[in-house]
Amino acid sequence: MEEHIKKVYVPMTETGFYILYCLQEPMHGYNIVQRVLELTDGEIRISPGTMYGSLSKMERDGIIAFVREEEKRKIYRITELGRQVLELEIRRIRRLYRTVEGIGLQEEPAAGIELRCAQP
């Protein structure tokens, strides 16, 4: 994988992550928007401008590919390069999760969430 691709895509934005995650199955932009709403319980709503700008950039970079057109909608899928990028990001997220789970969170609702570093 080119360093340029790693530098651009890892770490990923939530939008980029969800688009690649969804495109493990061929989909068009509107399907992705709906699927992301489902996956995030409505917390993340990808606007059309963000969606189509991201799809264009990802296609140019070779991490997704156009499959076919259905009813004037372009269907895309993740490429092998895209799978590699997605896997890097998933590993990064898992590492973050393990770090948080290993350290624990100090629960003080009034003060918010504070991470505490473990003592060696």
PDB file of N, CA and C in Angstrom:
ATOM      1  N   MET A   1       0.854  -1.183   0.000  1.00  0.00           N
ATOM      2  CA  MET A   1       0.000   0.000   0.000  1.00  0.00           C
ATOM      3  C   MET A   1       0.897   1.242   0.000  1.00  0.00           C
ATOM      4  N   GLU A   2       0.541   2.194  -0.825  1.00  0.00           N
ATOM      5  CA  GLU A   2       1.308   3.438  -0.909  1.00  0.00           C
ATOM      6  C   GLU A   2       1.198   4.229   0.390  1.00  0.00           C
ATOM      7  N   GLU A   3       2.289   4.893   0.742  1.00  0.00           N
ATOM      8  CA  GLU A   3       2.283   5.750   1.938  1.00  0.00           C
ATOM      9  C   GLU A   3       1.256   6.869   1.787  1.00  0.00           C
ATOM     10  N   HIS A   4       1.095   7.366   0.559  1.00  0.00           N
ATOM     11  CA  HIS A   4       0.122   8.435   0.313  1.00  0.00           C
ATOM     12  C   HIS A   4      -1.284   8.000   0.746  1.00  0.00           C
ATOM     13  N   ILE A   5      -1.670   6.779   0.394  1.00  0.00           N
ATOM     14  CA  ILE A   5      -3.004   6.279   0.739  1.00  0.00           C
ATOM     15  C   ILE A   5      -3.125   6.149   2.254  1.00  0.00           C
ATOM     16  N   LYS A   6      -2.102   5.585   2.898  1.00  0.00           N
ATOM     17  CA  LYS A   6      -2.121   5.462   4.365  1.00  0.00           C
ATOM     18  C   LYS A   6      -2.268   6.833   5.013  1.00  0.00           C
ATOM     19  N   LYS A   7      -1.482   7.783   4.516  1.00  0.00           N
ATOM     20  CA  LYS A   7      -1.474   9.123   5.105  1.00  0.00           C
ATOM     21  C   LYS A   7      -2.841   9.806   4.960  1.00  0.00           C
ATOM     22  N   VAL A   8      -3.489   9.588   3.814  1.00  0.00           N
ATOM     23  CA  VAL A   8      -4.773  10.235   3.548  1.00  0.00           C
ATOM     24  C   VAL A   8      -5.917   9.568   4.311  1.00  0.00           C
ATOM     25  N   TYR A   9      -5.874   8.246   4.438  1.00  0.00           N
ATOM     26  CA  TYR A   9      -7.031   7.521   4.953  1.00  0.00           C
ATOM     27  C   TYR A   9      -6.911   6.977   6.378  1.00  0.00           C
ATOM     28  N   VAL A  10      -5.731   6.958   6.965  1.00  0.00           N
ATOM     29  CA  VAL A  10      -5.600   6.426   8.324  1.00  0.00           C
ATOM     30  C   VAL A  10      -4.920   7.474   9.187  1.00  0.00           C
ATOM     31  N   PRO A  11      -5.554   7.984  10.248  1.00  0.00           N
ATOM     32  CA  PRO A  11      -6.895   7.614  10.701  1.00  0.00           C
ATOM     33  C   PRO A  11      -7.964   8.172   9.768  1.00  0.00           C
ATOM     34  N   MET A  12      -9.091   7.485   9.757  1.00  0.00           N
ATOM     35  CA  MET A  12     -10.212   7.827   8.896  1.00  0.00           C
ATOM     36  C   MET A  12     -11.227   8.701   9.619  1.00  0.00           C
ATOM     37  N   THR A  13     -11.938   9.466   8.837  1.00  0.00           N
ATOM     38  CA  THR A  13     -13.097  10.155   9.403  1.00  0.00           C
ATOM     39  C   THR A  13     -14.183   9.105   9.613  1.00  0.00           C
ATOM     40  N   GLU A  14     -15.142   9.401  10.453  1.00  0.00           N
ATOM     41  CA  GLU A  14     -16.257   8.468  10.639  1.00  0.00           C
ATOM     42  C   GLU A  14     -16.988   8.246   9.318  1.00  0.00           C
ATOM     43  N   THR A  15     -17.149   9.308   8.557  1.00  0.00           N
ATOM     44  CA  THR A  15     -17.821   9.197   7.264  1.00  0.00           C
ATOM     45  C   THR A  15     -17.083   8.227   6.356  1.00  0.00           C
ATOM     46  N   GLY A  16     -15.784   8.405   6.217  1.00  0.00           N
ATOM     47  CA  GLY A  16     -14.990   7.515   5.383  1.00  0.00           C
ATOM     48  C   GLY A  16     -15.064   6.075   5.861  1.00  0.00           C
ATOM     49  N   PHE A  17     -14.979   5.897   7.169  1.00  0.00           N
ATOM     50  CA  PHE A  17     -15.054   4.549   7.738  1.00  0.00           C
ATOM     51  C   PHE A  17     -16.380   3.888   7.379  1.00  0.00           C
ATOM     52  N   TYR A  18     -17.473   4.573   7.624  1.00  0.00           N
ATOM     53  CA  TYR A  18     -18.782   3.971   7.369  1.00  0.00           C
ATOM     54  C   TYR A  18     -19.026   3.721   5.884  1.00  0.00           C
ATOM     55  N   ILE A  19     -18.535   4.601   5.025  1.00  0.00           N
ATOM     56  CA  ILE A  19     -18.696   4.372   3.590  1.00  0.00           C
ATOM     57  C   ILE A  19     -17.965   3.094   3.191  1.00  0.00           C
ATOM     58  N   LEU A  20     -16.697   2.968   3.595  1.00  0.00           N
ATOM     59  CA  LEU A  20     -15.943   1.757   3.248  1.00  0.00           C
ATOM     60  C   LEU A  20     -16.558   0.523   3.885  1.00  0.00           C
ATOM     61  N   TYR A  21     -16.971   0.650   5.122  1.00  0.00           N
ATOM     62  CA  TYR A  21     -17.583  -0.481   5.819  1.00  0.00           C
ATOM     63  C   TYR A  21     -18.830  -0.966   5.073  1.00  0.00           C
ATOM     64  N   CYS A  22     -19.663  -0.029   4.656  1.00  0.00           N
ATOM     65  CA  CYS A  22     -20.886  -0.380   3.926  1.00  0.00           C
ATOM     66  C   CYS A  22     -20.586  -0.989   2.563  1.00  0.00           C
ATOM     67  N   LEU A  23     -19.536  -0.520   1.924  1.00  0.00           N
ATOM     68  CA  LEU A  23     -19.247  -0.974   0.566  1.00  0.00           C
ATOM     69  C   LEU A  23     -18.585  -2.350   0.508  1.00  0.00           C
ATOM     70  N   GLN A  24     -18.595  -3.057   1.619  1.00  0.00           N
ATOM     71  CA  GLN A  24     -18.199  -4.461   1.571  1.00  0.00           C
ATOM     72  C   GLN A  24     -19.244  -5.229   0.769  1.00  0.00           C
ATOM     73  N   GLU A  25     -20.418  -4.613   0.612  1.00  0.00           N
ATOM     74  CA  GLU A  25     -21.470  -5.098  -0.290  1.00  0.00           C
ATOM     75  C   GLU A  25     -21.693  -3.991  -1.313  1.00  0.00           C
ATOM     76  N   PRO A  26     -21.913  -4.321  -2.588  1.00  0.00           N
ATOM     77  CA  PRO A  26     -22.167  -3.269  -3.573  1.00  0.00           C
ATOM     78  C   PRO A  26     -23.390  -2.428  -3.190  1.00  0.00           C
ATOM     79  N   MET A  27     -23.238  -1.115  -3.243  1.00  0.00           N
ATOM     80  CA  MET A  27     -24.317  -0.187  -2.864  1.00  0.00           C
ATOM     81  C   MET A  27     -24.173   1.118  -3.615  1.00  0.00           C
ATOM     82  N   HIS A  28     -25.265   1.879  -3.627  1.00  0.00           N
ATOM     83  CA  HIS A  28     -25.198   3.248  -4.132  1.00  0.00           C
ATOM     84  C   HIS A  28     -25.279   4.205  -2.945  1.00  0.00           C
ATOM     85  N   GLY A  29     -25.022   5.471  -3.220  1.00  0.00           N
ATOM     86  CA  GLY A  29     -24.922   6.479  -2.163  1.00  0.00           C
ATOM     87  C   GLY A  29     -26.107   6.537  -1.221  1.00  0.00           C
ATOM     88  N   TYR A  30     -27.312   6.510  -1.759  1.00  0.00           N
ATOM     89  CA  TYR A  30     -28.489   6.606  -0.896  1.00  0.00           C
ATOM     90  C   TYR A  30     -28.584   5.398   0.029  1.00  0.00           C
ATOM     91  N   ASN A  31     -28.256   4.200  -0.493  1.00  0.00           N
ATOM     92  CA  ASN A  31     -28.245   3.010   0.370  1.00  0.00           C
ATOM     93  C   ASN A  31     -27.261   3.177   1.519  1.00  0.00           C
ATOM     94  N   ILE A  32     -26.090   3.739   1.206  1.00  0.00           N
ATOM     95  CA  ILE A  32     -25.070   3.940   2.237  1.00  0.00           C
ATOM     96  C   ILE A  32     -25.598   4.878   3.315  1.00  0.00           C
ATOM     97  N   VAL A  33     -26.200   5.987   2.897  1.00  0.00           N
ATOM     98  CA  VAL A  33     -26.757   6.952   3.858  1.00  0.00           C
ATOM     99  C   VAL A  33     -27.748   6.254   4.787  1.00  0.00           C
ATOM    100  N   GLN A  34     -28.639   5.458   4.233  1.00  0.00           N
ATOM    101  CA  GLN A  34     -29.651   4.759   5.031  1.00  0.00           C
ATOM    102  C   GLN A  34     -29.013   3.734   5.960  1.00  0.00           C
ATOM    103  N   ARG A  35     -28.030   2.998   5.449  1.00  0.00           N
ATOM    104  CA  ARG A  35     -27.367   1.971   6.260  1.00  0.00           C
ATOM    105  C   ARG A  35     -26.605   2.601   7.423  1.00  0.00           C
ATOM    106  N   VAL A  36     -25.945   3.727   7.178  1.00  0.00           N
ATOM    107  CA  VAL A  36     -25.206   4.417   8.242  1.00  0.00           C
ATOM    108  C   VAL A  36     -26.171   4.910   9.317  1.00  0.00           C
ATOM    109  N   LEU A  37     -27.306   5.416   8.907  1.00  0.00           N
ATOM    110  CA  LEU A  37     -28.315   5.821   9.890  1.00  0.00           C
ATOM    111  C   LEU A  37     -28.711   4.636  10.771  1.00  0.00           C
ATOM    112  N   GLU A  38     -28.908   3.466  10.152  1.00  0.00           N
ATOM    113  CA  GLU A  38     -29.247   2.248  10.920  1.00  0.00           C
ATOM    114  C   GLU A  38     -28.129   1.861  11.860  1.00  0.00           C
ATOM    115  N   LEU A  39     -26.904   1.794  11.335  1.00  0.00           N
ATOM    116  CA  LEU A  39     -25.759   1.348  12.129  1.00  0.00           C
ATOM    117  C   LEU A  39     -25.478   2.251  13.321  1.00  0.00           C
ATOM    118  N   THR A  40     -25.784   3.537  13.179  1.00  0.00           N
ATOM    119  CA  THR A  40     -25.453   4.511  14.234  1.00  0.00           C
ATOM    120  C   THR A  40     -26.677   4.985  15.008  1.00  0.00           C
ATOM    121  N   ASP A  41     -27.785   4.279  14.854  1.00  0.00           N
ATOM    122  CA  ASP A  41     -29.040   4.676  15.521  1.00  0.00           C
ATOM    123  C   ASP A  41     -29.378   6.138  15.251  1.00  0.00           C
ATOM    124  N   GLY A  42     -29.134   6.573  14.016  1.00  0.00           N
ATOM    125  CA  GLY A  42     -29.491   7.922  13.602  1.00  0.00           C
ATOM    126  C   GLY A  42     -28.514   9.007  14.030  1.00  0.00           C
ATOM    127  N   GLU A  43     -27.408   8.639  14.670  1.00  0.00           N
ATOM    128  CA  GLU A  43     -26.456   9.644  15.158  1.00  0.00           C
ATOM    129  C   GLU A  43     -25.604  10.250  14.051  1.00  0.00           C
ATOM    130  N   ILE A  44     -25.357   9.485  12.995  1.00  0.00           N
ATOM    131  CA  ILE A  44     -24.539  10.003  11.894  1.00  0.00           C
ATOM    132  C   ILE A  44     -25.378  10.025  10.633  1.00  0.00           C
ATOM    133  N   ARG A  45     -25.530  11.226  10.098  1.00  0.00           N
ATOM    134  CA  ARG A  45     -26.286  11.436   8.865  1.00  0.00           C
ATOM    135  C   ARG A  45     -25.321  12.044   7.848  1.00  0.00           C
ATOM    136  N   ILE A  46     -25.052  11.312   6.788  1.00  0.00           N
ATOM    137  CA  ILE A  46     -24.117  11.789   5.771  1.00  0.00           C
ATOM    138  C   ILE A  46     -24.896  12.594   4.734  1.00  0.00           C
ATOM    139  N   SER A  47     -24.483  13.848   4.548  1.00  0.00           N
ATOM    140  CA  SER A  47     -25.170  14.711   3.578  1.00  0.00           C
ATOM    141  C   SER A  47     -24.810  14.271   2.160  1.00  0.00           C
ATOM    142  N   PRO A  48     -25.673  14.583   1.193  1.00  0.00           N
ATOM    143  CA  PRO A  48     -25.386  14.204  -0.191  1.00  0.00           C
ATOM    144  C   PRO A  48     -24.052  14.759  -0.691  1.00  0.00           C
ATOM    145  N   GLY A  49     -23.737  15.994  -0.362  1.00  0.00           N
ATOM    146  CA  GLY A  49     -22.476  16.586  -0.811  1.00  0.00           C
ATOM    147  C   GLY A  49     -21.270  15.843  -0.265  1.00  0.00           C
ATOM    148  N   THR A  50     -21.324  15.504   1.021  1.00  0.00           N
ATOM    149  CA  THR A  50     -20.239  14.746   1.641  1.00  0.00           C
ATOM    150  C   THR A  50     -20.157  13.360   1.032  1.00  0.00           C
ATOM    151  N   MET A  51     -21.303  12.720   0.841  1.00  0.00           N
ATOM    152  CA  MET A  51     -21.333  11.357   0.304  1.00  0.00           C
ATOM    153  C   MET A  51     -20.711  11.310  -1.084  1.00  0.00           C
ATOM    154  N   TYR A  52     -21.200  12.145  -1.983  1.00  0.00           N
ATOM    155  CA  TYR A  52     -20.741  12.057  -3.364  1.00  0.00           C
ATOM    156  C   TYR A  52     -19.325  12.582  -3.542  1.00  0.00           C
ATOM    157  N   GLY A  53     -18.926  13.543  -2.720  1.00  0.00           N
ATOM    158  CA  GLY A  53     -17.531  13.992  -2.733  1.00  0.00           C
ATOM    159  C   GLY A  53     -16.605  12.876  -2.260  1.00  0.00           C
ATOM    160  N   SER A  54     -17.008  12.175  -1.202  1.00  0.00           N
ATOM    161  CA  SER A  54     -16.206  11.067  -0.673  1.00  0.00           C
ATOM    162  C   SER A  54     -16.129   9.922  -1.672  1.00  0.00           C
ATOM    163  N   LEU A  55     -17.256   9.568  -2.276  1.00  0.00           N
ATOM    164  CA  LEU A  55     -17.253   8.478  -3.261  1.00  0.00           C
ATOM    165  C   LEU A  55     -16.329   8.806  -4.426  1.00  0.00           C
ATOM    166  N   SER A  56     -16.381  10.041  -4.923  1.00  0.00           N
ATOM    167  CA  SER A  56     -15.520  10.445  -6.041  1.00  0.00           C
ATOM    168  C   SER A  56     -14.046  10.339  -5.674  1.00  0.00           C
ATOM    169  N   LYS A  57     -13.697  10.847  -4.505  1.00  0.00           N
ATOM    170  CA  LYS A  57     -12.291  10.802  -4.063  1.00  0.00           C
ATOM    171  C   LYS A  57     -11.833   9.366  -3.860  1.00  0.00           C
ATOM    172  N   MET A  58     -12.666   8.556  -3.200  1.00  0.00           N
ATOM    173  CA  MET A  58     -12.298   7.160  -2.958  1.00  0.00           C
ATOM    174  C   MET A  58     -12.144   6.392  -4.271  1.00  0.00           C
ATOM    175  N   GLU A  59     -12.990   6.691  -5.239  1.00  0.00           N
ATOM    176  CA  GLU A  59     -12.878   6.024  -6.534  1.00  0.00           C
ATOM    177  C   GLU A  59     -11.583   6.441  -7.235  1.00  0.00           C
ATOM    178  N   ARG A  60     -11.264   7.736  -7.211  1.00  0.00           N
ATOM    179  CA  ARG A  60     -10.010   8.222  -7.812  1.00  0.00           C
ATOM    180  C   ARG A  60      -8.795   7.571  -7.164  1.00  0.00           C
ATOM    181  N   ASP A  61      -8.855   7.369  -5.848  1.00  0.00           N
ATOM    182  CA  ASP A  61      -7.740   6.781  -5.099  1.00  0.00           C
ATOM    183  C   ASP A  61      -7.689   5.260  -5.192  1.00  0.00           C
ATOM    184  N   GLY A  62      -8.713   4.668  -5.814  1.00  0.00           N
ATOM    185  CA  GLY A  62      -8.700   3.229  -6.037  1.00  0.00           C
ATOM    186  C   GLY A  62      -9.109   2.377  -4.845  1.00  0.00           C
ATOM    187  N   ILE A  63      -9.755   2.997  -3.851  1.00  0.00           N
ATOM    188  CA  ILE A  63     -10.183   2.178  -2.708  1.00  0.00           C
ATOM    189  C   ILE A  63     -11.631   1.694  -2.845  1.00  0.00           C
ATOM    190  N   ILE A  64     -12.353   2.280  -3.793  1.00  0.00           N
ATOM    191  CA  ILE A  64     -13.663   1.753  -4.186  1.00  0.00           C
ATOM    192  C   ILE A  64     -13.699   1.739  -5.707  1.00  0.00           C
ATOM    193  N   ALA A  65     -14.631   0.973  -6.264  1.00  0.00           N
ATOM    194  CA  ALA A  65     -14.752   0.895  -7.715  1.00  0.00           C
ATOM    195  C   ALA A  65     -16.218   0.923  -8.118  1.00  0.00           C
ATOM    196  N   PHE A  66     -16.476   1.553  -9.246  1.00  0.00           N
ATOM    197  CA  PHE A  66     -17.809   1.566  -9.842  1.00  0.00           C
ATOM    198  C   PHE A  66     -18.110   0.154 -10.333  1.00  0.00           C
ATOM    199  N   VAL A  67     -19.325  -0.345 -10.034  1.00  0.00           N
ATOM    200  CA  VAL A  67     -19.722  -1.689 -10.450  1.00  0.00           C
ATOM    201  C   VAL A  67     -20.677  -1.621 -11.623  1.00  0.00           C
ATOM    202  N   ARG A  68     -21.748  -0.862 -11.460  1.00  0.00           N
ATOM    203  CA  ARG A  68     -22.756  -0.745 -12.511  1.00  0.00           C
ATOM    204  C   ARG A  68     -23.693   0.412 -12.148  1.00  0.00           C
ATOM    205  N   GLU A  69     -24.610   0.715 -13.064  1.00  0.00           N
ATOM    206  CA  GLU A  69     -25.615   1.739 -12.802  1.00  0.00           C
ATOM    207  C   GLU A  69     -26.981   1.081 -12.788  1.00  0.00           C
ATOM    208  N   GLU A  70     -27.782   1.435 -11.790  1.00  0.00           N
ATOM    209  CA  GLU A  70     -29.159   0.940 -11.682  1.00  0.00           C
ATOM    210  C   GLU A  70     -30.070   2.138 -11.474  1.00  0.00           C
ATOM    211  N   GLU A  71     -31.020   2.314 -12.356  1.00  0.00           N
ATOM    212  CA  GLU A  71     -31.982   3.411 -12.241  1.00  0.00           C
ATOM    213  C   GLU A  71     -31.290   4.745 -11.979  1.00  0.00           C
ATOM    214  N   LYS A  72     -30.262   5.031 -12.776  1.00  0.00           N
ATOM    215  CA  LYS A  72     -29.495   6.277 -12.698  1.00  0.00           C
ATOM    216  C   LYS A  72     -28.695   6.420 -11.408  1.00  0.00           C
ATOM    217  N   ARG A  73     -28.508   5.338 -10.672  1.00  0.00           N
ATOM    218  CA  ARG A  73     -27.707   5.364  -9.450  1.00  0.00           C
ATOM    219  C   ARG A  73     -26.462   4.511  -9.662  1.00  0.00           C
ATOM    220  N   LYS A  74     -25.310   5.075  -9.306  1.00  0.00           N
ATOM    221  CA  LYS A  74     -24.055   4.348  -9.450  1.00  0.00           C
ATOM    222  C   LYS A  74     -23.857   3.424  -8.253  1.00  0.00           C
ATOM    223  N   ILE A  75     -23.558   2.176  -8.543  1.00  0.00           N
ATOM    224  CA  ILE A  75     -23.293   1.179  -7.511  1.00  0.00           C
ATOM    225  C   ILE A  75     -21.774   1.033  -7.393  1.00  0.00           C
ATOM    226  N   TYR A  76     -21.271   1.080  -6.163  1.00  0.00           N
ATOM    227  CA  TYR A  76     -19.844   0.958  -5.895  1.00  0.00           C
ATOM    228  C   TYR A  76     -19.590  -0.240  -4.986  1.00  0.00           C
ATOM    229  N   ARG A  77     -18.333  -0.670  -4.951  1.00  0.00           N
ATOM    230  CA  ARG A  77     -17.906  -1.706  -4.011  1.00  0.00           C
ATOM    231  C   ARG A  77     -16.479  -1.395  -3.576  1.00  0.00           C
ATOM    232  N   ILE A  78     -16.093  -1.940  -2.464  1.00  0.00           N
ATOM    233  CA  ILE A  78     -14.739  -1.760  -1.952  1.00  0.00           C
ATOM    234  C   ILE A  78     -13.772  -2.582  -2.816  1.00  0.00           C
ATOM    235  N   THR A  79     -12.565  -2.082  -3.026  1.00  0.00           N
ATOM    236  CA  THR A  79     -11.532  -2.817  -3.760  1.00  0.00           C
ATOM    237  C   THR A  79     -10.621  -3.522  -2.760  1.00  0.00           C
ATOM    238  N   GLU A  80      -9.678  -4.289  -3.269  1.00  0.00           N
ATOM    239  CA  GLU A  80      -8.708  -4.945  -2.377  1.00  0.00           C
ATOM    240  C   GLU A  80      -7.910  -3.897  -1.598  1.00  0.00           C
ATOM    241  N   LEU A  81      -7.501  -2.823  -2.259  1.00  0.00           N
ATOM    242  CA  LEU A  81      -6.800  -1.744  -1.567  1.00  0.00           C
ATOM    243  C   LEU A  81      -7.693  -1.148  -0.485  1.00  0.00           C
ATOM    244  N   GLY A  82      -8.958  -0.957  -0.801  1.00  0.00           N
ATOM    245  CA  GLY A  82      -9.910  -0.442   0.181  1.00  0.00           C
ATOM    246  C   GLY A  82     -10.048  -1.367   1.380  1.00  0.00           C
ATOM    247  N   ARG A  83     -10.040  -2.667   1.136  1.00  0.00           N
ATOM    248  CA  ARG A  83     -10.107  -3.645   2.237  1.00  0.00           C
ATOM    249  C   ARG A  83      -8.887  -3.521   3.138  1.00  0.00           C
ATOM    250  N   GLN A  84      -7.734  -3.312   2.539  1.00  0.00           N
ATOM    251  CA  GLN A  84      -6.514  -3.147   3.328  1.00  0.00           C
ATOM    252  C   GLN A  84      -6.599  -1.893   4.194  1.00  0.00           C
ATOM    253  N   VAL A  85      -7.089  -0.811   3.609  1.00  0.00           N
ATOM    254  CA  VAL A  85      -7.243   0.449   4.346  1.00  0.00           C
ATOM    255  C   VAL A  85      -8.261   0.262   5.477  1.00  0.00           C
ATOM    256  N   LEU A  86      -9.383  -0.376   5.182  1.00  0.00           N
ATOM    257  CA  LEU A  86     -10.409  -0.617   6.196  1.00  0.00           C
ATOM    258  C   LEU A  86      -9.852  -1.480   7.324  1.00  0.00           C
ATOM    259  N   GLU A  87      -9.089  -2.490   6.993  1.00  0.00           N
ATOM    260  CA  GLU A  87      -8.500  -3.359   8.017  1.00  0.00           C
ATOM    261  C   GLU A  87      -7.528  -2.587   8.902  1.00  0.00           C
ATOM    262  N   LEU A  88      -6.721  -1.712   8.316  1.00  0.00           N
ATOM    263  CA  LEU A  88      -5.819  -0.871   9.116  1.00  0.00           C
ATOM    264  C   LEU A  88      -6.619  -0.024  10.102  1.00  0.00           C
ATOM    265  N   GLU A  89      -7.702   0.550   9.608  1.00  0.00           N
ATOM    266  CA  GLU A  89      -8.519   1.407  10.472  1.00  0.00           C
ATOM    267  C   GLU A  89      -9.207   0.596  11.569  1.00  0.00           C
ATOM    268  N   ILE A  90      -9.686  -0.579  11.240  1.00  0.00           N
ATOM    269  CA  ILE A  90     -10.327  -1.431  12.250  1.00  0.00           C
ATOM    270  C   ILE A  90      -9.303  -1.814  13.321  1.00  0.00           C
ATOM    271  N   ARG A  91      -8.087  -2.143  12.914  1.00  0.00           N
ATOM    272  CA  ARG A  91      -7.040  -2.462  13.904  1.00  0.00           C
ATOM    273  C   ARG A  91      -6.764  -1.261  14.796  1.00  0.00           C
ATOM    274  N   ARG A  92      -6.722  -0.065  14.207  1.00  0.00           N
ATOM    275  CA  ARG A  92      -6.483   1.153  14.987  1.00  0.00           C
ATOM    276  C   ARG A  92      -7.600   1.373  16.000  1.00  0.00           C
ATOM    277  N   ILE A  93      -8.842   1.186  15.564  1.00  0.00           N
ATOM    278  CA  ILE A  93      -9.991   1.365  16.460  1.00  0.00           C
ATOM    279  C   ILE A  93      -9.966   0.328  17.573  1.00  0.00           C
ATOM    280  N   ARG A  94      -9.635  -0.906  17.245  1.00  0.00           N
ATOM    281  CA  ARG A  94      -9.540  -1.958  18.274  1.00  0.00           C
ATOM    282  C   ARG A  94      -8.462  -1.616  19.303  1.00  0.00           C
ATOM    283  N   ARG A  95      -7.330  -1.102  18.820  1.00  0.00           N
ATOM    284  CA  ARG A  95      -6.261  -0.708  19.743  1.00  0.00           C
ATOM    285  C   ARG A  95      -6.750   0.388  20.686  1.00  0.00           C
ATOM    286  N   LEU A  96      -7.457   1.376  20.135  1.00  0.00           N
ATOM    287  CA  LEU A  96      -8.006   2.438  20.971  1.00  0.00           C
ATOM    288  C   LEU A  96      -8.963   1.870  22.009  1.00  0.00           C
ATOM    289  N   TYR A  97      -9.817   0.961  21.576  1.00  0.00           N
ATOM    290  CA  TYR A  97     -10.789   0.345  22.476  1.00  0.00           C
ATOM    291  C   TYR A  97     -10.075  -0.429  23.580  1.00  0.00           C
ATOM    292  N   ARG A  98      -9.063  -1.225  23.218  1.00  0.00           N
ATOM    293  CA  ARG A  98      -8.317  -1.989  24.226  1.00  0.00           C
ATOM    294  C   ARG A  98      -7.658  -1.052  25.221  1.00  0.00           C
ATOM    295  N   THR A  99      -7.140   0.065  24.736  1.00  0.00           N
ATOM    296  CA  THR A  99      -6.498   1.032  25.619  1.00  0.00           C
ATOM    297  C   THR A  99      -7.495   1.571  26.631  1.00  0.00           C
ATOM    298  N   VAL A 100      -8.647   1.963  26.152  1.00  0.00           N
ATOM    299  CA  VAL A 100      -9.670   2.528  27.041  1.00  0.00           C
ATOM    300  C   VAL A 100     -10.162   1.465  28.016  1.00  0.00           C
ATOM    301  N   GLU A 101     -10.405   0.269  27.539  1.00  0.00           N
ATOM    302  CA  GLU A 101     -10.885  -0.809  28.413  1.00  0.00           C
ATOM    303  C   GLU A 101      -9.827  -1.192  29.436  1.00  0.00           C
ATOM    304  N   GLY A 102      -8.557  -1.157  29.056  1.00  0.00           N
ATOM    305  CA  GLY A 102      -7.483  -1.522  29.972  1.00  0.00           C
ATOM    306  C   GLY A 102      -7.255  -0.486  31.050  1.00  0.00           C
ATOM    307  N   ILE A 103      -7.422   0.763  30.687  1.00  0.00           N
ATOM    308  CA  ILE A 103      -7.198   1.854  31.638  1.00  0.00           C
ATOM    309  C   ILE A 103      -8.437   2.079  32.492  1.00  0.00           C
ATOM    310  N   GLY A 104      -9.583   1.996  31.875  1.00  0.00           N
ATOM    311  CA  GLY A 104     -10.829   2.265  32.585  1.00  0.00           C
ATOM    312  C   GLY A 104     -11.176   3.739  32.517  1.00  0.00           C
ATOM    313  N   LEU A 105     -12.406   4.020  32.758  1.00  0.00           N
ATOM    314  CA  LEU A 105     -12.881   5.399  32.751  1.00  0.00           C
ATOM    315  C   LEU A 105     -13.255   5.813  34.157  1.00  0.00           C
ATOM    316  N   GLN A 106     -12.896   7.001  34.515  1.00  0.00           N
ATOM    317  CA  GLN A 106     -13.300   7.553  35.795  1.00  0.00           C
ATOM    318  C   GLN A 106     -14.710   8.081  35.603  1.00  0.00           C
ATOM    319  N   GLU A 107     -15.644   7.573  36.383  1.00  0.00           N
ATOM    320  CA  GLU A 107     -17.041   7.969  36.188  1.00  0.00           C
ATOM    321  C   GLU A 107     -17.420   9.101  37.134  1.00  0.00           C
ATOM    322  N   GLU A 108     -17.410  10.290  36.622  1.00  0.00           N
ATOM    323  CA  GLU A 108     -17.846  11.471  37.354  1.00  0.00           C
ATOM    324  C   GLU A 108     -18.702  12.285  36.413  1.00  0.00           C
ATOM    325  N   PRO A 109     -20.024  12.031  36.378  1.00  0.00           N
ATOM    326  CA  PRO A 109     -20.892  12.698  35.410  1.00  0.00           C
ATOM    327  C   PRO A 109     -20.755  14.213  35.389  1.00  0.00           C
ATOM    328  N   ALA A 110     -20.590  14.828  36.539  1.00  0.00           N
ATOM    329  CA  ALA A 110     -20.508  16.283  36.564  1.00  0.00           C
ATOM    330  C   ALA A 110     -19.208  16.774  35.922  1.00  0.00           C
ATOM    331  N   ALA A 111     -18.151  16.001  36.050  1.00  0.00           N
ATOM    332  CA  ALA A 111     -16.858  16.415  35.524  1.00  0.00           C
ATOM    333  C   ALA A 111     -16.640  15.930  34.090  1.00  0.00           C
ATOM    334  N   GLY A 112     -17.522  15.067  33.576  1.00  0.00           N
ATOM    335  CA  GLY A 112     -17.334  14.516  32.244  1.00  0.00           C
ATOM    336  C   GLY A 112     -16.467  13.271  32.310  1.00  0.00           C
ATOM    337  N   ILE A 113     -15.986  12.862  31.170  1.00  0.00           N
ATOM    338  CA  ILE A 113     -15.170  11.653  31.099  1.00  0.00           C
ATOM    339  C   ILE A 113     -13.706  12.047  31.103  1.00  0.00           C
ATOM    340  N   GLU A 114     -12.951  11.411  31.971  1.00  0.00           N
ATOM    341  CA  GLU A 114     -11.529  11.682  32.051  1.00  0.00           C
ATOM    342  C   GLU A 114     -10.775  10.361  31.949  1.00  0.00           C
ATOM    343  N   LEU A 115      -9.797  10.294  31.071  1.00  0.00           N
ATOM    344  CA  LEU A 115      -8.976   9.100  30.959  1.00  0.00           C
ATOM    345  C   LEU A 115      -7.865   9.172  31.980  1.00  0.00           C
ATOM    346  N   ARG A 116      -7.600   8.070  32.625  1.00  0.00           N
ATOM    347  CA  ARG A 116      -6.486   7.999  33.563  1.00  0.00           C
ATOM    348  C   ARG A 116      -5.450   7.045  33.008  1.00  0.00           C
ATOM    349  N   CYS A 117      -4.208   7.446  33.000  1.00  0.00           N
ATOM    350  CA  CYS A 117      -3.133   6.577  32.508  1.00  0.00           C
ATOM    351  C   CYS A 117      -2.691   5.670  33.631  1.00  0.00           C
ATOM    352  N   ALA A 118      -2.492   4.397  33.274  1.00  0.00           N
ATOM    353  CA  ALA A 118      -2.027   3.425  34.258  1.00  0.00           C
ATOM    354  C   ALA A 118      -0.598   3.721  34.648  1.00  0.00           C
ATOM    355  N   GLN A 119      -0.282   3.501  35.911  1.00  0.00           N
ATOM    356  CA  GLN A 119       1.072   3.683  36.400  1.00  0.00           C
ATOM    357  C   GLN A 119       1.895   2.457  36.051  1.00  0.00           C
ATOM    358  N   PRO A 120       3.147   2.641  35.610  1.00  0.00           N
ATOM    359  CA  PRO A 120       3.977   1.484  35.259  1.00  0.00           C
ATOM    360  C   PRO A 120       4.357   0.667  36.475  1.00  0.00           C
TER     361      PRO A 120
END
